[in-house]
Every structure is written in C-alpha cells, then in structure tokens.
Amino acid sequence: MQDMKLFLFYLFLIVVGGGISYFLINKVILPFLEKIEEVSAKKLMRDSKQMIINIRVRCLIISKWGYLITF
C-alpha cells in the first residue's frame, strides 16, 4: 500500500511538473524569444538597408568620378 501511494505521489509530481514546464515554455519563454527575434530582425533590416545605401553612394561616386573614395 505504501509503494502504491509513493508511486501515485511521484506520478502526480511528474504530471504537475510537466504541466508547469508546458506553461512556462509555451506562455513565457516562446513569446519572449519571438519578441527578441522581431527586434533582431528589425535591427538586421535596418543595418542591411544602411549597407545598401552605402553601396549605392559608393557606386554613384565611382560612376561620377571614375574612382572609389573610401570613407
């Protein structure tokens, strides 16, 4: 009888621990990671846009004067 109670107690702990883990992963950790991903993607887009602008300016300088002026 004592073994059965111990088994049910451990089973209860496993189920409760699994539920808590599921909640933390799906409701807390994943939304946080998605928010970080959005911020990183916006920063990457901003940086790549600036890089494209720099390349266009340098190409304009090359086509206008025939040489590249490095900044």
PDB file of N, CA and C in Angstrom:
ATOM      1  N   MET A   1       0.829  -1.199   0.000  1.00  0.00           N
ATOM      2  CA  MET A   1       0.000   0.000   0.000  1.00  0.00           C
ATOM      3  C   MET A   1       0.876   1.266   0.000  1.00  0.00           C
ATOM      4  N   GLN A   2       1.940   1.206   0.792  1.00  0.00           N
ATOM      5  CA  GLN A   2       2.854   2.350   0.860  1.00  0.00           C
ATOM      6  C   GLN A   2       3.525   2.586  -0.493  1.00  0.00           C
ATOM      7  N   ASP A   3       3.884   1.493  -1.192  1.00  0.00           N
ATOM      8  CA  ASP A   3       4.508   1.624  -2.507  1.00  0.00           C
ATOM      9  C   ASP A   3       3.555   2.257  -3.511  1.00  0.00           C
ATOM     10  N   MET A   4       2.279   1.922  -3.423  1.00  0.00           N
ATOM     11  CA  MET A   4       1.280   2.473  -4.346  1.00  0.00           C
ATOM     12  C   MET A   4       1.109   3.974  -4.107  1.00  0.00           C
ATOM     13  N   LYS A   5       1.085   4.386  -2.844  1.00  0.00           N
ATOM     14  CA  LYS A   5       0.972   5.813  -2.525  1.00  0.00           C
ATOM     15  C   LYS A   5       2.197   6.576  -3.031  1.00  0.00           C
ATOM     16  N   LEU A   6       3.355   5.975  -2.835  1.00  0.00           N
ATOM     17  CA  LEU A   6       4.593   6.606  -3.297  1.00  0.00           C
ATOM     18  C   LEU A   6       4.600   6.722  -4.822  1.00  0.00           C
ATOM     19  N   PHE A   7       4.159   5.667  -5.495  1.00  0.00           N
ATOM     20  CA  PHE A   7       4.076   5.682  -6.957  1.00  0.00           C
ATOM     21  C   PHE A   7       3.111   6.768  -7.434  1.00  0.00           C
ATOM     22  N   LEU A   8       1.944   6.856  -6.817  1.00  0.00           N
ATOM     23  CA  LEU A   8       0.965   7.874  -7.210  1.00  0.00           C
ATOM     24  C   LEU A   8       1.480   9.281  -6.919  1.00  0.00           C
ATOM     25  N   PHE A   9       2.206   9.439  -5.818  1.00  0.00           N
ATOM     26  CA  PHE A   9       2.783  10.742  -5.496  1.00  0.00           C
ATOM     27  C   PHE A   9       3.800  11.163  -6.552  1.00  0.00           C
ATOM     28  N   TYR A  10       4.685  10.226  -6.939  1.00  0.00           N
ATOM     29  CA  TYR A  10       5.673  10.532  -7.977  1.00  0.00           C
ATOM     30  C   TYR A  10       5.002  10.796  -9.320  1.00  0.00           C
ATOM     31  N   LEU A  11       3.965  10.036  -9.629  1.00  0.00           N
ATOM     32  CA  LEU A  11       3.221  10.260 -10.865  1.00  0.00           C
ATOM     33  C   LEU A  11       2.586  11.650 -10.852  1.00  0.00           C
ATOM     34  N   PHE A  12       2.030  12.033  -9.703  1.00  0.00           N
ATOM     35  CA  PHE A  12       1.448  13.365  -9.555  1.00  0.00           C
ATOM     36  C   PHE A  12       2.514  14.448  -9.761  1.00  0.00           C
ATOM     37  N   LEU A  13       3.692  14.249  -9.173  1.00  0.00           N
ATOM     38  CA  LEU A  13       4.768  15.229  -9.345  1.00  0.00           C
ATOM     39  C   LEU A  13       5.192  15.341 -10.806  1.00  0.00           C
ATOM     40  N   ILE A  14       5.251  14.209 -11.502  1.00  0.00           N
ATOM     41  CA  ILE A  14       5.635  14.230 -12.913  1.00  0.00           C
ATOM     42  C   ILE A  14       4.596  14.973 -13.739  1.00  0.00           C
ATOM     43  N   VAL A  15       3.317  14.718 -13.474  1.00  0.00           N
ATOM     44  CA  VAL A  15       2.251  15.383 -14.230  1.00  0.00           C
ATOM     45  C   VAL A  15       2.247  16.881 -13.944  1.00  0.00           C
ATOM     46  N   VAL A  16       2.353  17.258 -12.687  1.00  0.00           N
ATOM     47  CA  VAL A  16       2.362  18.683 -12.331  1.00  0.00           C
ATOM     48  C   VAL A  16       3.604  19.363 -12.901  1.00  0.00           C
ATOM     49  N   GLY A  17       4.753  18.707 -12.797  1.00  0.00           N
ATOM     50  CA  GLY A  17       5.984  19.275 -13.359  1.00  0.00           C
ATOM     51  C   GLY A  17       5.889  19.439 -14.864  1.00  0.00           C
ATOM     52  N   GLY A  18       5.291  18.459 -15.538  1.00  0.00           N
ATOM     53  CA  GLY A  18       5.097  18.565 -16.986  1.00  0.00           C
ATOM     54  C   GLY A  18       4.173  19.709 -17.348  1.00  0.00           C
ATOM     55  N   GLY A  19       3.109  19.883 -16.568  1.00  0.00           N
ATOM     56  CA  GLY A  19       2.181  20.992 -16.819  1.00  0.00           C
ATOM     57  C   GLY A  19       2.847  22.342 -16.621  1.00  0.00           C
ATOM     58  N   ILE A  20       3.629  22.451 -15.561  1.00  0.00           N
ATOM     59  CA  ILE A  20       4.341  23.712 -15.304  1.00  0.00           C
ATOM     60  C   ILE A  20       5.354  23.980 -16.411  1.00  0.00           C
ATOM     61  N   SER A  21       6.073  22.946 -16.830  1.00  0.00           N
ATOM     62  CA  SER A  21       7.047  23.116 -17.912  1.00  0.00           C
ATOM     63  C   SER A  21       6.363  23.537 -19.202  1.00  0.00           C
ATOM     64  N   TYR A  22       5.240  22.892 -19.518  1.00  0.00           N
ATOM     65  CA  TYR A  22       4.487  23.236 -20.726  1.00  0.00           C
ATOM     66  C   TYR A  22       4.050  24.697 -20.681  1.00  0.00           C
ATOM     67  N   PHE A  23       3.509  25.122 -19.533  1.00  0.00           N
ATOM     68  CA  PHE A  23       3.061  26.502 -19.390  1.00  0.00           C
ATOM     69  C   PHE A  23       4.224  27.474 -19.553  1.00  0.00           C
ATOM     70  N   LEU A  24       5.335  27.196 -18.877  1.00  0.00           N
ATOM     71  CA  LEU A  24       6.479  28.107 -18.955  1.00  0.00           C
ATOM     72  C   LEU A  24       7.024  28.199 -20.374  1.00  0.00           C
ATOM     73  N   ILE A  25       7.140  27.067 -21.046  1.00  0.00           N
ATOM     74  CA  ILE A  25       7.704  27.084 -22.395  1.00  0.00           C
ATOM     75  C   ILE A  25       6.777  27.798 -23.362  1.00  0.00           C
ATOM     76  N   ASN A  26       5.494  27.448 -23.362  1.00  0.00           N
ATOM     77  CA  ASN A  26       4.575  27.985 -24.369  1.00  0.00           C
ATOM     78  C   ASN A  26       4.068  29.386 -24.062  1.00  0.00           C
ATOM     79  N   LYS A  27       3.944  29.735 -22.809  1.00  0.00           N
ATOM     80  CA  LYS A  27       3.350  31.030 -22.459  1.00  0.00           C
ATOM     81  C   LYS A  27       4.364  32.086 -22.048  1.00  0.00           C
ATOM     82  N   VAL A  28       5.559  31.668 -21.670  1.00  0.00           N
ATOM     83  CA  VAL A  28       6.545  32.638 -21.188  1.00  0.00           C
ATOM     84  C   VAL A  28       7.772  32.678 -22.093  1.00  0.00           C
ATOM     85  N   ILE A  29       8.408  31.537 -22.279  1.00  0.00           N
ATOM     86  CA  ILE A  29       9.701  31.515 -22.973  1.00  0.00           C
ATOM     87  C   ILE A  29       9.550  31.759 -24.468  1.00  0.00           C
ATOM     88  N   LEU A  30       8.628  31.046 -25.136  1.00  0.00           N
ATOM     89  CA  LEU A  30       8.489  31.210 -26.587  1.00  0.00           C
ATOM     90  C   LEU A  30       8.064  32.621 -26.996  1.00  0.00           C
ATOM     91  N   PRO A  31       7.070  33.242 -26.325  1.00  0.00           N
ATOM     92  CA  PRO A  31       6.762  34.636 -26.694  1.00  0.00           C
ATOM     93  C   PRO A  31       7.942  35.583 -26.480  1.00  0.00           C
ATOM     94  N   PHE A  32       8.715  35.350 -25.426  1.00  0.00           N
ATOM     95  CA  PHE A  32       9.894  36.176 -25.175  1.00  0.00           C
ATOM     96  C   PHE A  32      10.907  36.014 -26.303  1.00  0.00           C
ATOM     97  N   LEU A  33      11.142  34.770 -26.741  1.00  0.00           N
ATOM     98  CA  LEU A  33      12.079  34.526 -27.838  1.00  0.00           C
ATOM     99  C   LEU A  33      11.572  35.126 -29.144  1.00  0.00           C
ATOM    100  N   GLU A  34      10.255  35.063 -29.375  1.00  0.00           N
ATOM    101  CA  GLU A  34       9.702  35.667 -30.588  1.00  0.00           C
ATOM    102  C   GLU A  34       9.889  37.179 -30.572  1.00  0.00           C
ATOM    103  N   LYS A  35       9.737  37.789 -29.403  1.00  0.00           N
ATOM    104  CA  LYS A  35       9.932  39.235 -29.294  1.00  0.00           C
ATOM    105  C   LYS A  35      11.388  39.596 -29.574  1.00  0.00           C
ATOM    106  N   ILE A  36      12.313  38.808 -29.033  1.00  0.00           N
ATOM    107  CA  ILE A  36      13.736  39.036 -29.301  1.00  0.00           C
ATOM    108  C   ILE A  36      14.019  38.872 -30.787  1.00  0.00           C
ATOM    109  N   GLU A  37      13.399  37.859 -31.396  1.00  0.00           N
ATOM    110  CA  GLU A  37      13.602  37.614 -32.823  1.00  0.00           C
ATOM    111  C   GLU A  37      13.106  38.790 -33.657  1.00  0.00           C
ATOM    112  N   GLU A  38      11.938  39.367 -33.284  1.00  0.00           N
ATOM    113  CA  GLU A  38      11.415  40.526 -34.015  1.00  0.00           C
ATOM    114  C   GLU A  38      12.368  41.708 -33.910  1.00  0.00           C
ATOM    115  N   VAL A  39      12.889  41.952 -32.724  1.00  0.00           N
ATOM    116  CA  VAL A  39      13.815  43.069 -32.530  1.00  0.00           C
ATOM    117  C   VAL A  39      15.082  42.835 -33.343  1.00  0.00           C
ATOM    118  N   SER A  40      15.583  41.606 -33.323  1.00  0.00           N
ATOM    119  CA  SER A  40      16.796  41.288 -34.084  1.00  0.00           C
ATOM    120  C   SER A  40      16.556  41.427 -35.577  1.00  0.00           C
ATOM    121  N   ALA A  41      15.379  40.989 -36.033  1.00  0.00           N
ATOM    122  CA  ALA A  41      15.065  41.092 -37.456  1.00  0.00           C
ATOM    123  C   ALA A  41      14.963  42.558 -37.875  1.00  0.00           C
ATOM    124  N   LYS A  42      14.355  43.392 -37.029  1.00  0.00           N
ATOM    125  CA  LYS A  42      14.256  44.815 -37.352  1.00  0.00           C
ATOM    126  C   LYS A  42      15.642  45.449 -37.409  1.00  0.00           C
ATOM    127  N   LYS A  43      16.500  45.089 -36.467  1.00  0.00           N
ATOM    128  CA  LYS A  43      17.858  45.637 -36.467  1.00  0.00           C
ATOM    129  C   LYS A  43      18.620  45.174 -37.700  1.00  0.00           C
ATOM    130  N   LEU A  44      18.459  43.913 -38.062  1.00  0.00           N
ATOM    131  CA  LEU A  44      19.128  43.383 -39.246  1.00  0.00           C
ATOM    132  C   LEU A  44      18.638  44.086 -40.505  1.00  0.00           C
ATOM    133  N   MET A  45      17.331  44.325 -40.599  1.00  0.00           N
ATOM    134  CA  MET A  45      16.781  45.028 -41.761  1.00  0.00           C
ATOM    135  C   MET A  45      17.320  46.459 -41.818  1.00  0.00           C
ATOM    136  N   ARG A  46      17.380  47.111 -40.669  1.00  0.00           N
ATOM    137  CA  ARG A  46      17.883  48.487 -40.632  1.00  0.00           C
ATOM    138  C   ARG A  46      19.354  48.526 -41.049  1.00  0.00           C
ATOM    139  N   ASP A  47      20.137  47.582 -40.534  1.00  0.00           N
ATOM    140  CA  ASP A  47      21.557  47.533 -40.887  1.00  0.00           C
ATOM    141  C   ASP A  47      21.753  47.226 -42.362  1.00  0.00           C
ATOM    142  N   SER A  48      20.966  46.292 -42.897  1.00  0.00           N
ATOM    143  CA  SER A  48      21.125  45.945 -44.312  1.00  0.00           C
ATOM    144  C   SER A  48      20.674  47.100 -45.198  1.00  0.00           C
ATOM    145  N   LYS A  49      19.643  47.829 -44.768  1.00  0.00           N
ATOM    146  CA  LYS A  49      19.200  48.994 -45.542  1.00  0.00           C
ATOM    147  C   LYS A  49      20.304  50.048 -45.577  1.00  0.00           C
ATOM    148  N   GLN A  50      20.956  50.262 -44.442  1.00  0.00           N
ATOM    149  CA  GLN A  50      22.050  51.228 -44.387  1.00  0.00           C
ATOM    150  C   GLN A  50      23.215  50.770 -45.248  1.00  0.00           C
ATOM    151  N   MET A  51      23.484  49.473 -45.261  1.00  0.00           N
ATOM    152  CA  MET A  51      24.562  48.937 -46.087  1.00  0.00           C
ATOM    153  C   MET A  51      24.257  49.144 -47.573  1.00  0.00           C
ATOM    154  N   ILE A  52      23.004  48.919 -47.960  1.00  0.00           N
ATOM    155  CA  ILE A  52      22.612  49.123 -49.363  1.00  0.00           C
ATOM    156  C   ILE A  52      22.759  50.590 -49.746  1.00  0.00           C
ATOM    157  N   ILE A  53      22.379  51.488 -48.845  1.00  0.00           N
ATOM    158  CA  ILE A  53      22.528  52.922 -49.119  1.00  0.00           C
ATOM    159  C   ILE A  53      24.002  53.269 -49.293  1.00  0.00           C
ATOM    160  N   ASN A  54      24.867  52.723 -48.436  1.00  0.00           N
ATOM    161  CA  ASN A  54      26.306  52.989 -48.558  1.00  0.00           C
ATOM    162  C   ASN A  54      26.851  52.476 -49.879  1.00  0.00           C
ATOM    163  N   ILE A  55      26.416  51.293 -50.296  1.00  0.00           N
ATOM    164  CA  ILE A  55      26.877  50.739 -51.575  1.00  0.00           C
ATOM    165  C   ILE A  55      26.406  51.609 -52.728  1.00  0.00           C
ATOM    166  N   ARG A  56      25.167  52.077 -52.678  1.00  0.00           N
ATOM    167  CA  ARG A  56      24.652  52.946 -53.749  1.00  0.00           C
ATOM    168  C   ARG A  56      25.443  54.242 -53.831  1.00  0.00           C
ATOM    169  N   VAL A  57      25.758  54.816 -52.672  1.00  0.00           N
ATOM    170  CA  VAL A  57      26.523  56.066 -52.656  1.00  0.00           C
ATOM    171  C   VAL A  57      27.906  55.839 -53.246  1.00  0.00           C
ATOM    172  N   ARG A  58      28.547  54.747 -52.886  1.00  0.00           N
ATOM    173  CA  ARG A  58      29.884  54.474 -53.414  1.00  0.00           C
ATOM    174  C   ARG A  58      29.832  54.189 -54.908  1.00  0.00           C
ATOM    175  N   CYS A  59      28.799  53.482 -55.359  1.00  0.00           N
ATOM    176  CA  CYS A  59      28.666  53.226 -56.795  1.00  0.00           C
ATOM    177  C   CYS A  59      28.422  54.530 -57.547  1.00  0.00           C
ATOM    178  N   LEU A  60      27.671  55.442 -56.947  1.00  0.00           N
ATOM    179  CA  LEU A  60      27.435  56.743 -57.566  1.00  0.00           C
ATOM    180  C   LEU A  60      28.742  57.520 -57.669  1.00  0.00           C
ATOM    181  N   ILE A  61      29.551  57.467 -56.620  1.00  0.00           N
ATOM    182  CA  ILE A  61      30.844  58.151 -56.643  1.00  0.00           C
ATOM    183  C   ILE A  61      31.732  57.551 -57.721  1.00  0.00           C
ATOM    184  N   ILE A  62      31.735  56.227 -57.830  1.00  0.00           N
ATOM    185  CA  ILE A  62      32.556  55.561 -58.851  1.00  0.00           C
ATOM    186  C   ILE A  62      32.099  55.978 -60.240  1.00  0.00           C
ATOM    187  N   SER A  63      30.796  55.958 -60.468  1.00  0.00           N
ATOM    188  CA  SER A  63      30.313  56.279 -61.812  1.00  0.00           C
ATOM    189  C   SER A  63      30.492  57.759 -62.133  1.00  0.00           C
ATOM    190  N   LYS A  64      30.494  58.615 -61.121  1.00  0.00           N
ATOM    191  CA  LYS A  64      30.591  60.044 -61.364  1.00  0.00           C
ATOM    192  C   LYS A  64      32.035  60.481 -61.612  1.00  0.00           C
ATOM    193  N   TRP A  65      32.944  59.987 -60.778  1.00  0.00           N
ATOM    194  CA  TRP A  65      34.328  60.440 -60.884  1.00  0.00           C
ATOM    195  C   TRP A  65      35.290  59.365 -61.377  1.00  0.00           C
ATOM    196  N   GLY A  66      34.829  58.150 -61.506  1.00  0.00           N
ATOM    197  CA  GLY A  66      35.668  57.094 -62.056  1.00  0.00           C
ATOM    198  C   GLY A  66      36.582  56.425 -61.057  1.00  0.00           C
ATOM    199  N   TYR A  67      36.460  56.716 -59.788  1.00  0.00           N
ATOM    200  CA  TYR A  67      37.268  56.036 -58.780  1.00  0.00           C
ATOM    201  C   TYR A  67      36.471  55.968 -57.479  1.00  0.00           C
ATOM    202  N   LEU A  68      36.930  55.138 -56.600  1.00  0.00           N
ATOM    203  CA  LEU A  68      36.232  54.912 -55.338  1.00  0.00           C
ATOM    204  C   LEU A  68      36.915  55.695 -54.224  1.00  0.00           C
ATOM    205  N   ILE A  69      36.135  56.502 -53.548  1.00  0.00           N
ATOM    206  CA  ILE A  69      36.634  57.210 -52.376  1.00  0.00           C
ATOM    207  C   ILE A  69      36.189  56.408 -51.157  1.00  0.00           C
ATOM    208  N   THR A  70      37.134  55.906 -50.404  1.00  0.00           N
ATOM    209  CA  THR A  70      36.766  55.137 -49.218  1.00  0.00           C
ATOM    210  C   THR A  70      36.590  56.088 -48.054  1.00  0.00           C
ATOM    211  N   PHE A  71      35.645  55.773 -47.234  1.00  0.00           N
ATOM    212  CA  PHE A  71      35.327  56.630 -46.097  1.00  0.00           C
ATOM    213  C   PHE A  71      36.065  56.153 -44.879  1.00  0.00           C
TER     214      PHE A  71
END
